[in-house]
Amino acid sequence: MQFYLLWWLCSFMSAETKHYLVGYGSLLSHDSRSRYSNILCPNMPIVVAGWRREWLARGLADFQTSLGVSQIEYGELNAVLLPIQQISAELRNREQDYQFVEVDHASIMPANDSQLTLDELDTIRTNPNENKIWICANLLKKPANMHFPINQTYLDTCLVGCFDLGIDNFASEFIKSTHFWQNGWINDRNDPRYVRAAKVTQKQQIQIDQLLEKQQVLQYRQELSL
């Protein structure tokens, strides 16, 4: 598959620049990002060194806590690399609680069984001035609470995106490499609160809960009172 196309570009960037976005949260879901942000590009599963995924992204507009990242020397997370045309208005609106930070090309490696090969990654690395890799770093770092909870429908969106990749243990690695599960996590499946939720079947919900239980984090989730 050819992943490297000539993209339309942001007005403030070079006409030859190609842009790639690290999707480590809800952007893992093709369904969510295509329906709500018009991002239609293919998935390229990767591992990113030097960054840690955390439940610390305070969303003031939607009253929730989403996934964010911190730059940590020995951190590592799995994600997808998304070739995008530009940092569009839809994407900026979706990521309004984040800033776009450039990522060191050397920190990106293909995930196991990824369609992205080292040779293809080297093509991106050949000229870092013309191939920009971005990650969304949260502006506010605060743990979740019941006023700004972690919504299960947001987490479901992330994990069903992991399932869609068809890579063994990708969803488990997502859970393992995510920190700060302990506070403010609610099960909103019967009263969905996440506005860009992916389509998730009941069978997938059961599979998700089994993985969360296996990784010993499901104990932190609280049921919503009806």
N, C-alpha and C. Protein backbone atom coordinates (compact mmCIF):
# COMPACT_ATOMS: atom_id res chain seq x y z
N MET A 1 0.85 -1.19 0.00
CA MET A 1 0.00 0.00 0.00
C MET A 1 0.89 1.24 0.00
N GLN A 2 0.50 2.19 -0.80
CA GLN A 2 1.27 3.43 -0.86
C GLN A 2 0.70 4.42 0.13
N PHE A 3 1.49 4.77 1.14
CA PHE A 3 1.02 5.65 2.19
C PHE A 3 1.45 7.10 1.96
N TYR A 4 2.34 7.30 0.99
CA TYR A 4 2.98 8.61 0.92
C TYR A 4 2.51 9.35 -0.32
N LEU A 5 1.58 10.24 -0.14
CA LEU A 5 0.97 11.02 -1.20
C LEU A 5 1.36 12.49 -1.03
N LEU A 6 1.15 13.25 -2.09
CA LEU A 6 1.37 14.70 -1.99
C LEU A 6 0.09 15.33 -1.47
N TRP A 7 0.18 15.93 -0.28
CA TRP A 7 -1.04 16.42 0.41
C TRP A 7 -1.23 17.93 0.18
N TRP A 8 -2.49 18.35 0.23
CA TRP A 8 -2.77 19.78 0.36
C TRP A 8 -2.26 20.24 1.71
N LEU A 9 -1.83 21.46 1.79
CA LEU A 9 -1.03 21.87 2.94
C LEU A 9 -1.62 23.05 3.68
N CYS A 10 -1.25 23.15 4.94
CA CYS A 10 -1.64 24.31 5.75
C CYS A 10 -1.03 25.57 5.16
N SER A 11 -1.74 26.68 5.25
CA SER A 11 -1.27 27.92 4.64
C SER A 11 0.03 28.41 5.26
N PHE A 12 0.29 28.00 6.51
CA PHE A 12 1.49 28.49 7.19
C PHE A 12 2.67 27.54 7.03
N MET A 13 2.55 26.49 6.23
CA MET A 13 3.62 25.52 6.10
C MET A 13 4.07 25.42 4.65
N SER A 14 5.24 24.84 4.46
CA SER A 14 5.81 24.71 3.13
C SER A 14 4.92 23.90 2.22
N ALA A 15 4.89 24.25 0.93
CA ALA A 15 4.06 23.55 -0.05
C ALA A 15 4.54 22.13 -0.29
N GLU A 16 5.72 21.75 0.19
CA GLU A 16 6.23 20.40 -0.02
C GLU A 16 6.17 19.56 1.26
N THR A 17 5.69 20.13 2.34
CA THR A 17 5.70 19.42 3.61
C THR A 17 4.59 18.38 3.66
N LYS A 18 4.94 17.19 4.15
CA LYS A 18 3.97 16.14 4.41
C LYS A 18 3.79 16.04 5.92
N HIS A 19 2.56 15.78 6.34
CA HIS A 19 2.24 15.79 7.76
C HIS A 19 1.72 14.43 8.20
N TYR A 20 2.14 14.03 9.40
CA TYR A 20 1.72 12.77 10.00
C TYR A 20 1.31 13.04 11.44
N LEU A 21 0.22 12.44 11.86
CA LEU A 21 -0.29 12.65 13.21
C LEU A 21 -0.27 11.35 13.98
N VAL A 22 0.23 11.39 15.21
CA VAL A 22 0.22 10.22 16.09
C VAL A 22 -1.15 10.15 16.76
N GLY A 23 -1.90 9.10 16.47
CA GLY A 23 -3.21 8.90 17.09
C GLY A 23 -3.09 7.88 18.21
N TYR A 24 -3.21 8.35 19.46
CA TYR A 24 -2.98 7.47 20.60
C TYR A 24 -4.22 7.30 21.47
N GLY A 25 -5.32 8.02 21.14
CA GLY A 25 -6.55 7.93 21.92
C GLY A 25 -7.73 7.63 21.01
N SER A 26 -8.72 8.51 21.01
CA SER A 26 -9.90 8.27 20.18
C SER A 26 -9.59 8.30 18.69
N LEU A 27 -8.48 8.92 18.30
CA LEU A 27 -8.08 8.93 16.89
C LEU A 27 -7.65 7.54 16.40
N LEU A 28 -7.49 6.60 17.32
CA LEU A 28 -7.25 5.21 16.91
C LEU A 28 -8.43 4.65 16.12
N SER A 29 -9.61 5.18 16.37
CA SER A 29 -10.83 4.68 15.74
C SER A 29 -11.05 5.34 14.39
N HIS A 30 -10.99 4.53 13.33
CA HIS A 30 -11.27 5.06 11.99
C HIS A 30 -12.69 5.59 11.91
N ASP A 31 -13.62 4.89 12.55
CA ASP A 31 -15.02 5.31 12.53
C ASP A 31 -15.18 6.70 13.15
N SER A 32 -14.60 6.91 14.31
CA SER A 32 -14.74 8.20 14.99
C SER A 32 -14.05 9.32 14.22
N ARG A 33 -12.83 9.10 13.80
CA ARG A 33 -12.09 10.20 13.17
C ARG A 33 -12.62 10.51 11.77
N SER A 34 -13.17 9.51 11.07
CA SER A 34 -13.71 9.78 9.73
C SER A 34 -15.06 10.47 9.80
N ARG A 35 -15.93 10.05 10.73
CA ARG A 35 -17.27 10.65 10.82
C ARG A 35 -17.25 12.04 11.42
N TYR A 36 -16.35 12.29 12.37
CA TYR A 36 -16.40 13.55 13.10
C TYR A 36 -15.31 14.54 12.72
N SER A 37 -14.23 14.07 12.08
CA SER A 37 -13.12 14.97 11.75
C SER A 37 -12.67 14.86 10.30
N ASN A 38 -13.37 14.07 9.51
CA ASN A 38 -13.07 13.94 8.08
C ASN A 38 -11.62 13.50 7.83
N ILE A 39 -11.11 12.63 8.72
CA ILE A 39 -9.77 12.06 8.55
C ILE A 39 -9.96 10.65 7.99
N LEU A 40 -9.66 10.49 6.72
CA LEU A 40 -9.99 9.25 6.01
C LEU A 40 -8.77 8.41 5.66
N CYS A 41 -7.62 8.74 6.21
CA CYS A 41 -6.37 8.07 5.83
C CYS A 41 -6.25 6.69 6.48
N PRO A 42 -5.33 5.86 5.97
CA PRO A 42 -5.14 4.51 6.51
C PRO A 42 -4.44 4.52 7.87
N ASN A 43 -4.60 3.41 8.59
CA ASN A 43 -3.90 3.21 9.86
C ASN A 43 -2.49 2.68 9.61
N MET A 44 -1.51 3.19 10.34
CA MET A 44 -0.17 2.63 10.35
C MET A 44 0.22 2.40 11.80
N PRO A 45 0.04 1.19 12.34
CA PRO A 45 0.32 0.95 13.76
C PRO A 45 1.79 1.13 14.09
N ILE A 46 2.04 1.87 15.18
CA ILE A 46 3.41 2.22 15.57
C ILE A 46 3.58 2.10 17.08
N VAL A 47 4.83 2.21 17.50
CA VAL A 47 5.20 2.37 18.89
C VAL A 47 6.01 3.66 18.99
N VAL A 48 5.69 4.49 19.98
CA VAL A 48 6.36 5.78 20.15
C VAL A 48 7.15 5.76 21.45
N ALA A 49 8.44 5.95 21.36
CA ALA A 49 9.30 6.00 22.55
C ALA A 49 9.39 7.43 23.07
N GLY A 50 9.54 7.56 24.39
CA GLY A 50 9.75 8.86 24.99
C GLY A 50 8.48 9.61 25.34
N TRP A 51 7.32 8.95 25.17
CA TRP A 51 6.05 9.56 25.51
C TRP A 51 5.22 8.57 26.33
N ARG A 52 4.45 9.09 27.31
CA ARG A 52 3.60 8.26 28.15
C ARG A 52 2.14 8.71 28.03
N ARG A 53 1.24 7.73 27.84
CA ARG A 53 -0.20 8.02 27.73
C ARG A 53 -0.81 8.09 29.13
N GLU A 54 -1.67 9.12 29.38
CA GLU A 54 -2.17 9.36 30.72
C GLU A 54 -3.63 9.86 30.69
N TRP A 55 -4.39 9.46 31.71
CA TRP A 55 -5.73 10.03 31.91
C TRP A 55 -5.60 11.35 32.68
N LEU A 56 -5.08 12.36 31.99
CA LEU A 56 -4.84 13.64 32.65
C LEU A 56 -5.24 14.83 31.79
N ALA A 57 -5.97 14.59 30.70
CA ALA A 57 -6.32 15.69 29.79
C ALA A 57 -7.68 16.28 30.19
N ARG A 58 -7.66 17.39 30.90
CA ARG A 58 -8.88 18.04 31.36
C ARG A 58 -9.57 18.75 30.20
N GLY A 59 -10.80 18.34 29.91
CA GLY A 59 -11.57 18.96 28.84
C GLY A 59 -12.60 19.92 29.42
N LEU A 60 -12.33 21.22 29.34
CA LEU A 60 -13.20 22.21 29.95
C LEU A 60 -14.51 22.37 29.18
N ALA A 61 -14.46 22.19 27.87
CA ALA A 61 -15.66 22.41 27.06
C ALA A 61 -16.67 21.27 27.20
N ASP A 62 -16.17 20.04 27.30
CA ASP A 62 -17.09 18.89 27.34
C ASP A 62 -17.15 18.22 28.71
N PHE A 63 -16.51 18.80 29.71
CA PHE A 63 -16.59 18.30 31.08
C PHE A 63 -16.22 16.82 31.18
N GLN A 64 -15.08 16.48 30.61
CA GLN A 64 -14.59 15.12 30.72
C GLN A 64 -13.07 15.13 30.83
N THR A 65 -12.52 13.99 31.20
CA THR A 65 -11.07 13.80 31.20
C THR A 65 -10.75 12.79 30.10
N SER A 66 -9.91 13.21 29.19
CA SER A 66 -9.52 12.37 28.06
C SER A 66 -8.06 11.94 28.22
N LEU A 67 -7.58 11.23 27.25
CA LEU A 67 -6.19 10.80 27.25
C LEU A 67 -5.28 11.93 26.79
N GLY A 68 -4.17 12.07 27.48
CA GLY A 68 -3.14 13.00 27.08
C GLY A 68 -1.79 12.30 27.13
N VAL A 69 -0.74 13.05 26.90
CA VAL A 69 0.61 12.48 26.92
C VAL A 69 1.57 13.40 27.66
N SER A 70 2.60 12.78 28.20
CA SER A 70 3.74 13.51 28.76
C SER A 70 5.01 12.97 28.14
N GLN A 71 5.97 13.86 27.94
CA GLN A 71 7.26 13.44 27.40
C GLN A 71 8.09 12.90 28.56
N ILE A 72 8.32 11.59 28.55
CA ILE A 72 9.02 10.88 29.62
C ILE A 72 10.18 10.11 28.98
N GLU A 73 11.35 10.20 29.55
CA GLU A 73 12.53 9.59 28.93
C GLU A 73 12.33 8.12 28.60
N TYR A 74 11.78 7.35 29.55
CA TYR A 74 11.63 5.92 29.32
C TYR A 74 10.18 5.53 29.04
N GLY A 75 9.37 6.50 28.64
CA GLY A 75 7.98 6.22 28.31
C GLY A 75 7.86 5.52 26.96
N GLU A 76 6.72 4.85 26.76
CA GLU A 76 6.45 4.19 25.48
C GLU A 76 4.95 3.97 25.37
N LEU A 77 4.41 4.18 24.19
CA LEU A 77 2.99 3.92 23.96
C LEU A 77 2.79 3.40 22.54
N ASN A 78 1.72 2.63 22.37
CA ASN A 78 1.36 2.20 21.02
C ASN A 78 0.29 3.13 20.46
N ALA A 79 0.27 3.27 19.15
CA ALA A 79 -0.59 4.26 18.52
C ALA A 79 -0.70 3.93 17.04
N VAL A 80 -1.28 4.85 16.28
CA VAL A 80 -1.26 4.76 14.82
C VAL A 80 -0.66 6.05 14.27
N LEU A 81 0.03 5.93 13.15
CA LEU A 81 0.57 7.08 12.45
C LEU A 81 -0.37 7.39 11.29
N LEU A 82 -0.88 8.61 11.27
CA LEU A 82 -1.91 8.99 10.29
C LEU A 82 -1.37 10.03 9.33
N PRO A 83 -1.23 9.71 8.04
CA PRO A 83 -0.85 10.73 7.06
C PRO A 83 -2.04 11.65 6.81
N ILE A 84 -1.90 12.92 7.14
CA ILE A 84 -3.01 13.86 7.02
C ILE A 84 -2.67 14.94 6.02
N GLN A 85 -3.70 15.50 5.41
CA GLN A 85 -3.48 16.56 4.44
C GLN A 85 -2.97 17.83 5.12
N GLN A 86 -3.55 18.11 6.27
CA GLN A 86 -3.21 19.34 6.98
C GLN A 86 -3.79 19.24 8.39
N ILE A 87 -3.36 20.15 9.23
CA ILE A 87 -4.00 20.28 10.54
C ILE A 87 -5.23 21.15 10.30
N SER A 88 -6.34 20.47 10.01
CA SER A 88 -7.55 21.12 9.51
C SER A 88 -8.34 21.78 10.63
N ALA A 89 -9.34 22.54 10.24
CA ALA A 89 -10.23 23.18 11.21
C ALA A 89 -10.99 22.13 12.02
N GLU A 90 -11.41 21.04 11.34
CA GLU A 90 -12.11 19.97 12.05
C GLU A 90 -11.21 19.33 13.10
N LEU A 91 -9.93 19.12 12.72
CA LEU A 91 -9.00 18.50 13.65
C LEU A 91 -8.68 19.44 14.81
N ARG A 92 -8.51 20.71 14.53
CA ARG A 92 -8.24 21.67 15.60
C ARG A 92 -9.42 21.76 16.56
N ASN A 93 -10.63 21.68 16.03
CA ASN A 93 -11.81 21.71 16.89
C ASN A 93 -11.87 20.46 17.76
N ARG A 94 -11.58 19.32 17.15
CA ARG A 94 -11.58 18.07 17.90
C ARG A 94 -10.54 18.10 19.01
N GLU A 95 -9.39 18.69 18.74
CA GLU A 95 -8.28 18.70 19.69
C GLU A 95 -8.10 20.07 20.34
N GLN A 96 -9.20 20.73 20.66
CA GLN A 96 -9.13 22.09 21.18
C GLN A 96 -8.47 22.19 22.55
N ASP A 97 -8.39 21.07 23.27
CA ASP A 97 -7.75 21.07 24.59
C ASP A 97 -6.28 20.65 24.51
N TYR A 98 -5.73 20.62 23.29
CA TYR A 98 -4.37 20.13 23.07
C TYR A 98 -3.57 21.13 22.23
N GLN A 99 -2.25 20.96 22.26
CA GLN A 99 -1.37 21.66 21.34
C GLN A 99 -0.66 20.62 20.47
N PHE A 100 -0.36 21.00 19.24
CA PHE A 100 0.32 20.09 18.32
C PHE A 100 1.82 20.24 18.49
N VAL A 101 2.47 19.17 18.96
CA VAL A 101 3.89 19.18 19.26
C VAL A 101 4.61 18.26 18.28
N GLU A 102 5.72 18.73 17.73
CA GLU A 102 6.46 17.91 16.78
C GLU A 102 7.20 16.79 17.50
N VAL A 103 7.20 15.61 16.89
CA VAL A 103 7.79 14.41 17.47
C VAL A 103 9.09 14.08 16.72
N ASP A 104 10.09 13.68 17.48
CA ASP A 104 11.35 13.24 16.89
C ASP A 104 11.11 11.99 16.05
N HIS A 105 11.52 12.02 14.80
CA HIS A 105 11.32 10.89 13.89
C HIS A 105 11.93 9.60 14.44
N ALA A 106 13.05 9.73 15.15
CA ALA A 106 13.76 8.54 15.65
C ALA A 106 12.97 7.82 16.73
N SER A 107 11.96 8.47 17.30
CA SER A 107 11.18 7.84 18.37
C SER A 107 10.08 6.92 17.85
N ILE A 108 9.87 6.90 16.53
CA ILE A 108 8.78 6.13 15.93
C ILE A 108 9.32 4.81 15.39
N MET A 109 8.65 3.71 15.79
CA MET A 109 8.97 2.38 15.25
C MET A 109 7.67 1.68 14.84
N PRO A 110 7.73 0.80 13.83
CA PRO A 110 6.52 0.05 13.48
C PRO A 110 6.13 -0.90 14.61
N ALA A 111 4.82 -1.01 14.88
CA ALA A 111 4.34 -2.01 15.83
C ALA A 111 4.45 -3.40 15.21
N ASN A 112 4.42 -4.42 16.05
CA ASN A 112 4.42 -5.78 15.53
C ASN A 112 3.24 -5.98 14.58
N ASP A 113 3.52 -6.61 13.44
CA ASP A 113 2.51 -6.89 12.41
C ASP A 113 1.95 -5.64 11.75
N SER A 114 2.62 -4.51 11.90
CA SER A 114 2.18 -3.29 11.25
C SER A 114 2.45 -3.36 9.75
N GLN A 115 1.58 -2.72 8.96
CA GLN A 115 1.83 -2.61 7.53
C GLN A 115 2.94 -1.61 7.23
N LEU A 116 3.24 -0.77 8.19
CA LEU A 116 4.35 0.18 8.04
C LEU A 116 5.66 -0.56 8.24
N THR A 117 6.54 -0.53 7.24
CA THR A 117 7.83 -1.20 7.33
C THR A 117 8.92 -0.20 7.69
N LEU A 118 10.06 -0.73 8.10
CA LEU A 118 11.19 0.14 8.42
C LEU A 118 11.62 0.93 7.19
N ASP A 119 11.57 0.31 6.01
CA ASP A 119 11.96 1.02 4.78
C ASP A 119 11.02 2.21 4.54
N GLU A 120 9.71 1.99 4.75
CA GLU A 120 8.76 3.08 4.56
C GLU A 120 8.96 4.17 5.60
N LEU A 121 9.26 3.77 6.82
CA LEU A 121 9.52 4.75 7.87
C LEU A 121 10.79 5.54 7.57
N ASP A 122 11.79 4.87 7.01
CA ASP A 122 13.02 5.56 6.62
C ASP A 122 12.75 6.62 5.55
N THR A 123 11.74 6.36 4.70
CA THR A 123 11.36 7.35 3.69
C THR A 123 10.88 8.63 4.35
N ILE A 124 10.12 8.48 5.44
CA ILE A 124 9.65 9.64 6.19
C ILE A 124 10.82 10.34 6.87
N ARG A 125 11.76 9.54 7.38
CA ARG A 125 12.88 10.10 8.13
C ARG A 125 13.93 10.77 7.26
N THR A 126 13.93 10.48 5.95
CA THR A 126 14.99 10.96 5.07
C THR A 126 15.16 12.47 5.15
N ASN A 127 14.05 13.17 5.15
CA ASN A 127 14.12 14.63 5.24
C ASN A 127 13.11 15.12 6.27
N PRO A 128 13.54 15.23 7.52
CA PRO A 128 12.60 15.65 8.58
C PRO A 128 12.03 17.04 8.38
N ASN A 129 12.70 17.87 7.59
CA ASN A 129 12.17 19.21 7.34
C ASN A 129 10.94 19.18 6.44
N GLU A 130 10.81 18.12 5.66
CA GLU A 130 9.67 18.00 4.74
C GLU A 130 8.66 16.96 5.19
N ASN A 131 8.94 16.25 6.28
CA ASN A 131 8.03 15.24 6.81
C ASN A 131 7.86 15.49 8.31
N LYS A 132 6.78 16.14 8.67
CA LYS A 132 6.54 16.54 10.04
C LYS A 132 5.63 15.52 10.73
N ILE A 133 6.04 15.06 11.92
CA ILE A 133 5.23 14.16 12.73
C ILE A 133 4.76 14.93 13.96
N TRP A 134 3.44 14.90 14.20
CA TRP A 134 2.86 15.68 15.28
C TRP A 134 2.17 14.77 16.29
N ILE A 135 2.15 15.19 17.54
CA ILE A 135 1.37 14.53 18.58
C ILE A 135 0.58 15.61 19.31
N CYS A 136 -0.61 15.26 19.78
CA CYS A 136 -1.45 16.20 20.51
C CYS A 136 -1.14 16.09 22.00
N ALA A 137 -0.53 17.13 22.55
CA ALA A 137 -0.18 17.16 23.96
C ALA A 137 -1.19 18.03 24.70
N ASN A 138 -1.79 17.49 25.76
CA ASN A 138 -2.85 18.20 26.46
C ASN A 138 -2.34 19.45 27.16
N LEU A 139 -3.18 20.49 27.15
CA LEU A 139 -2.82 21.77 27.73
C LEU A 139 -2.93 21.75 29.25
N LEU A 140 -3.97 21.08 29.77
CA LEU A 140 -4.17 20.98 31.21
C LEU A 140 -3.93 19.55 31.66
N LYS A 141 -3.14 19.36 32.70
CA LYS A 141 -2.85 18.04 33.25
C LYS A 141 -3.45 17.95 34.65
N LYS A 142 -4.65 17.36 34.72
CA LYS A 142 -5.32 17.19 36.00
C LYS A 142 -6.01 15.83 36.02
N PRO A 143 -5.96 15.13 37.15
CA PRO A 143 -6.61 13.82 37.22
C PRO A 143 -8.12 13.94 37.11
N ALA A 144 -8.74 12.87 36.68
CA ALA A 144 -10.19 12.84 36.53
C ALA A 144 -10.88 12.93 37.89
N ASN A 145 -12.10 13.46 37.88
CA ASN A 145 -12.97 13.41 39.05
C ASN A 145 -14.40 13.30 38.54
N MET A 146 -15.37 13.29 39.43
CA MET A 146 -16.74 13.07 39.01
C MET A 146 -17.33 14.27 38.26
N HIS A 147 -16.69 15.43 38.35
CA HIS A 147 -17.12 16.59 37.57
C HIS A 147 -16.49 16.58 36.17
N PHE A 148 -15.31 15.97 36.06
CA PHE A 148 -14.62 15.81 34.78
C PHE A 148 -14.18 14.34 34.67
N PRO A 149 -15.15 13.45 34.40
CA PRO A 149 -14.86 12.01 34.48
C PRO A 149 -14.20 11.46 33.23
N ILE A 150 -13.63 10.27 33.37
CA ILE A 150 -13.27 9.42 32.24
C ILE A 150 -14.54 8.72 31.82
N ASN A 151 -15.01 8.94 30.61
CA ASN A 151 -16.22 8.31 30.12
C ASN A 151 -15.91 6.98 29.44
N GLN A 152 -16.64 5.93 29.82
CA GLN A 152 -16.41 4.62 29.23
C GLN A 152 -16.62 4.64 27.72
N THR A 153 -17.55 5.45 27.23
CA THR A 153 -17.79 5.50 25.79
C THR A 153 -16.58 6.08 25.04
N TYR A 154 -15.82 6.95 25.70
CA TYR A 154 -14.57 7.44 25.11
C TYR A 154 -13.55 6.30 25.07
N LEU A 155 -13.42 5.59 26.18
CA LEU A 155 -12.48 4.46 26.23
C LEU A 155 -12.88 3.39 25.24
N ASP A 156 -14.17 3.10 25.12
CA ASP A 156 -14.64 2.11 24.14
C ASP A 156 -14.21 2.50 22.73
N THR A 157 -14.29 3.80 22.43
CA THR A 157 -13.88 4.29 21.11
C THR A 157 -12.41 4.00 20.85
N CYS A 158 -11.58 4.24 21.86
CA CYS A 158 -10.14 3.97 21.73
C CYS A 158 -9.89 2.48 21.49
N LEU A 159 -10.52 1.64 22.30
CA LEU A 159 -10.21 0.21 22.26
C LEU A 159 -10.81 -0.47 21.04
N VAL A 160 -11.97 -0.03 20.58
CA VAL A 160 -12.50 -0.64 19.35
C VAL A 160 -11.62 -0.25 18.16
N GLY A 161 -10.98 0.91 18.26
CA GLY A 161 -9.99 1.28 17.24
C GLY A 161 -8.80 0.34 17.27
N CYS A 162 -8.39 -0.08 18.48
CA CYS A 162 -7.31 -1.07 18.60
C CYS A 162 -7.75 -2.41 17.99
N PHE A 163 -8.99 -2.83 18.25
CA PHE A 163 -9.49 -4.08 17.69
C PHE A 163 -9.46 -4.06 16.17
N ASP A 164 -9.84 -2.92 15.60
CA ASP A 164 -9.95 -2.82 14.15
C ASP A 164 -8.62 -3.02 13.44
N LEU A 165 -7.52 -2.84 14.15
CA LEU A 165 -6.20 -3.01 13.52
C LEU A 165 -5.89 -4.47 13.25
N GLY A 166 -6.56 -5.38 13.97
CA GLY A 166 -6.34 -6.81 13.76
C GLY A 166 -4.97 -7.29 14.21
N ILE A 167 -4.38 -6.61 15.19
CA ILE A 167 -3.06 -6.98 15.70
C ILE A 167 -3.21 -7.57 17.09
N ASP A 168 -2.70 -8.76 17.29
CA ASP A 168 -2.78 -9.43 18.59
C ASP A 168 -2.17 -8.55 19.68
N ASN A 169 -2.88 -8.44 20.79
CA ASN A 169 -2.40 -7.76 22.01
C ASN A 169 -2.28 -6.25 21.87
N PHE A 170 -2.72 -5.67 20.75
CA PHE A 170 -2.59 -4.21 20.61
C PHE A 170 -3.46 -3.50 21.65
N ALA A 171 -4.69 -4.01 21.86
CA ALA A 171 -5.57 -3.40 22.86
C ALA A 171 -5.02 -3.60 24.27
N SER A 172 -4.48 -4.78 24.54
CA SER A 172 -3.88 -5.04 25.86
C SER A 172 -2.71 -4.11 26.12
N GLU A 173 -1.88 -3.90 25.10
CA GLU A 173 -0.74 -3.00 25.25
C GLU A 173 -1.20 -1.56 25.45
N PHE A 174 -2.31 -1.20 24.82
CA PHE A 174 -2.89 0.13 25.05
C PHE A 174 -3.21 0.31 26.53
N ILE A 175 -3.87 -0.67 27.12
CA ILE A 175 -4.25 -0.58 28.54
C ILE A 175 -3.01 -0.54 29.42
N LYS A 176 -2.05 -1.42 29.14
CA LYS A 176 -0.83 -1.49 29.95
C LYS A 176 -0.05 -0.19 29.92
N SER A 177 -0.03 0.49 28.78
CA SER A 177 0.81 1.68 28.64
C SER A 177 0.05 2.97 28.97
N THR A 178 -1.12 2.83 29.59
CA THR A 178 -1.92 3.99 29.99
C THR A 178 -1.90 4.12 31.51
N HIS A 179 -1.75 5.33 31.99
CA HIS A 179 -1.58 5.57 33.43
C HIS A 179 -2.72 6.42 33.99
N PHE A 180 -2.90 6.33 35.31
CA PHE A 180 -3.87 7.11 36.09
C PHE A 180 -5.32 6.69 35.84
N TRP A 181 -5.59 5.41 36.04
CA TRP A 181 -6.93 4.87 35.93
C TRP A 181 -7.76 5.09 37.21
N GLN A 182 -7.16 5.47 38.28
CA GLN A 182 -7.78 5.32 39.60
C GLN A 182 -8.92 6.28 39.90
N ASN A 183 -9.00 7.41 39.20
CA ASN A 183 -9.94 8.45 39.61
C ASN A 183 -11.01 8.76 38.56
N GLY A 184 -12.26 8.91 39.03
CA GLY A 184 -13.31 9.52 38.21
C GLY A 184 -13.70 8.82 36.94
N TRP A 185 -13.62 7.52 36.91
CA TRP A 185 -13.96 6.74 35.70
C TRP A 185 -15.38 6.21 35.85
N ILE A 186 -16.27 6.55 34.90
CA ILE A 186 -17.66 6.15 34.99
C ILE A 186 -18.09 5.32 33.79
N ASN A 187 -19.05 4.44 34.00
CA ASN A 187 -19.64 3.65 32.93
C ASN A 187 -20.89 4.38 32.42
N ASP A 188 -20.73 5.08 31.30
CA ASP A 188 -21.82 5.87 30.72
C ASP A 188 -22.45 5.20 29.52
N ARG A 189 -22.28 3.89 29.36
CA ARG A 189 -22.80 3.21 28.17
C ARG A 189 -24.31 3.34 28.03
N ASN A 190 -25.03 3.37 29.13
CA ASN A 190 -26.48 3.50 29.07
C ASN A 190 -26.94 4.95 28.97
N ASP A 191 -26.02 5.87 29.12
CA ASP A 191 -26.29 7.30 29.00
C ASP A 191 -25.07 7.96 28.39
N PRO A 192 -24.78 7.70 27.09
CA PRO A 192 -23.51 8.10 26.47
C PRO A 192 -23.25 9.60 26.56
N ARG A 193 -22.00 9.91 26.96
CA ARG A 193 -21.61 11.30 27.13
C ARG A 193 -20.54 11.75 26.15
N TYR A 194 -19.85 10.81 25.53
CA TYR A 194 -18.78 11.19 24.60
C TYR A 194 -19.38 11.50 23.24
N VAL A 195 -19.15 12.70 22.75
CA VAL A 195 -19.85 13.20 21.56
C VAL A 195 -19.30 12.63 20.26
N ARG A 196 -18.10 12.04 20.27
CA ARG A 196 -17.52 11.48 19.04
C ARG A 196 -17.33 9.96 19.19
N ALA A 197 -18.27 9.34 19.86
CA ALA A 197 -18.15 7.91 20.13
C ALA A 197 -18.22 7.09 18.84
N ALA A 198 -17.37 6.07 18.77
CA ALA A 198 -17.42 5.11 17.66
C ALA A 198 -18.58 4.14 17.87
N LYS A 199 -18.95 3.46 16.81
CA LYS A 199 -19.96 2.42 16.90
C LYS A 199 -19.33 1.19 17.55
N VAL A 200 -19.89 0.76 18.66
CA VAL A 200 -19.34 -0.36 19.43
C VAL A 200 -20.46 -1.35 19.70
N THR A 201 -20.26 -2.61 19.36
CA THR A 201 -21.28 -3.63 19.57
C THR A 201 -21.26 -4.12 21.02
N GLN A 202 -22.34 -4.79 21.41
CA GLN A 202 -22.39 -5.35 22.75
C GLN A 202 -21.30 -6.41 22.93
N LYS A 203 -21.03 -7.17 21.89
CA LYS A 203 -19.97 -8.17 21.95
C LYS A 203 -18.62 -7.50 22.20
N GLN A 204 -18.38 -6.38 21.55
CA GLN A 204 -17.12 -5.66 21.76
C GLN A 204 -17.05 -5.07 23.16
N GLN A 205 -18.17 -4.61 23.69
CA GLN A 205 -18.19 -4.10 25.06
C GLN A 205 -17.79 -5.20 26.05
N ILE A 206 -18.30 -6.41 25.83
CA ILE A 206 -17.94 -7.54 26.70
C ILE A 206 -16.46 -7.83 26.58
N GLN A 207 -15.95 -7.82 25.35
CA GLN A 207 -14.52 -8.08 25.12
C GLN A 207 -13.66 -7.01 25.81
N ILE A 208 -14.10 -5.76 25.73
CA ILE A 208 -13.38 -4.66 26.37
C ILE A 208 -13.33 -4.85 27.88
N ASP A 209 -14.47 -5.19 28.47
CA ASP A 209 -14.52 -5.38 29.93
C ASP A 209 -13.65 -6.54 30.36
N GLN A 210 -13.59 -7.58 29.56
CA GLN A 210 -12.73 -8.73 29.89
C GLN A 210 -11.27 -8.32 29.88
N LEU A 211 -10.87 -7.50 28.91
CA LEU A 211 -9.48 -7.03 28.85
C LEU A 211 -9.16 -6.13 30.04
N LEU A 212 -10.08 -5.24 30.37
CA LEU A 212 -9.87 -4.33 31.50
C LEU A 212 -9.76 -5.11 32.81
N GLU A 213 -10.56 -6.15 32.94
CA GLU A 213 -10.51 -7.00 34.13
C GLU A 213 -9.18 -7.74 34.18
N LYS A 214 -8.75 -8.25 33.04
CA LYS A 214 -7.49 -9.00 32.98
C LYS A 214 -6.31 -8.10 33.34
N GLN A 215 -6.37 -6.85 32.95
CA GLN A 215 -5.29 -5.91 33.24
C GLN A 215 -5.45 -5.26 34.62
N GLN A 216 -6.45 -5.68 35.36
CA GLN A 216 -6.66 -5.29 36.76
C GLN A 216 -6.91 -3.78 36.92
N VAL A 217 -7.65 -3.21 35.99
CA VAL A 217 -8.04 -1.81 36.13
C VAL A 217 -9.55 -1.62 36.22
N LEU A 218 -10.33 -2.63 35.84
CA LEU A 218 -11.79 -2.48 35.82
C LEU A 218 -12.35 -2.15 37.20
N GLN A 219 -11.64 -2.52 38.23
CA GLN A 219 -12.07 -2.26 39.61
C GLN A 219 -12.26 -0.77 39.90
N TYR A 220 -11.64 0.09 39.12
CA TYR A 220 -11.71 1.53 39.36
C TYR A 220 -12.95 2.17 38.73
N ARG A 221 -13.64 1.46 37.85
CA ARG A 221 -14.81 2.04 37.17
C ARG A 221 -16.03 2.06 38.08
N GLN A 222 -16.78 3.15 38.01
CA GLN A 222 -17.99 3.30 38.80
C GLN A 222 -19.21 3.31 37.89
N GLU A 223 -20.28 2.68 38.35
CA GLU A 223 -21.53 2.65 37.59
C GLU A 223 -22.30 3.95 37.83
N LEU A 224 -22.93 4.45 36.77
CA LEU A 224 -23.77 5.65 36.91
C LEU A 224 -25.09 5.28 37.56
N SER A 225 -25.57 6.10 38.46
CA SER A 225 -26.87 5.89 39.07
C SER A 225 -27.95 6.36 38.11
N LEU A 226 -28.97 5.52 37.90
CA LEU A 226 -30.05 5.87 36.98
C LEU A 226 -31.13 6.68 37.70
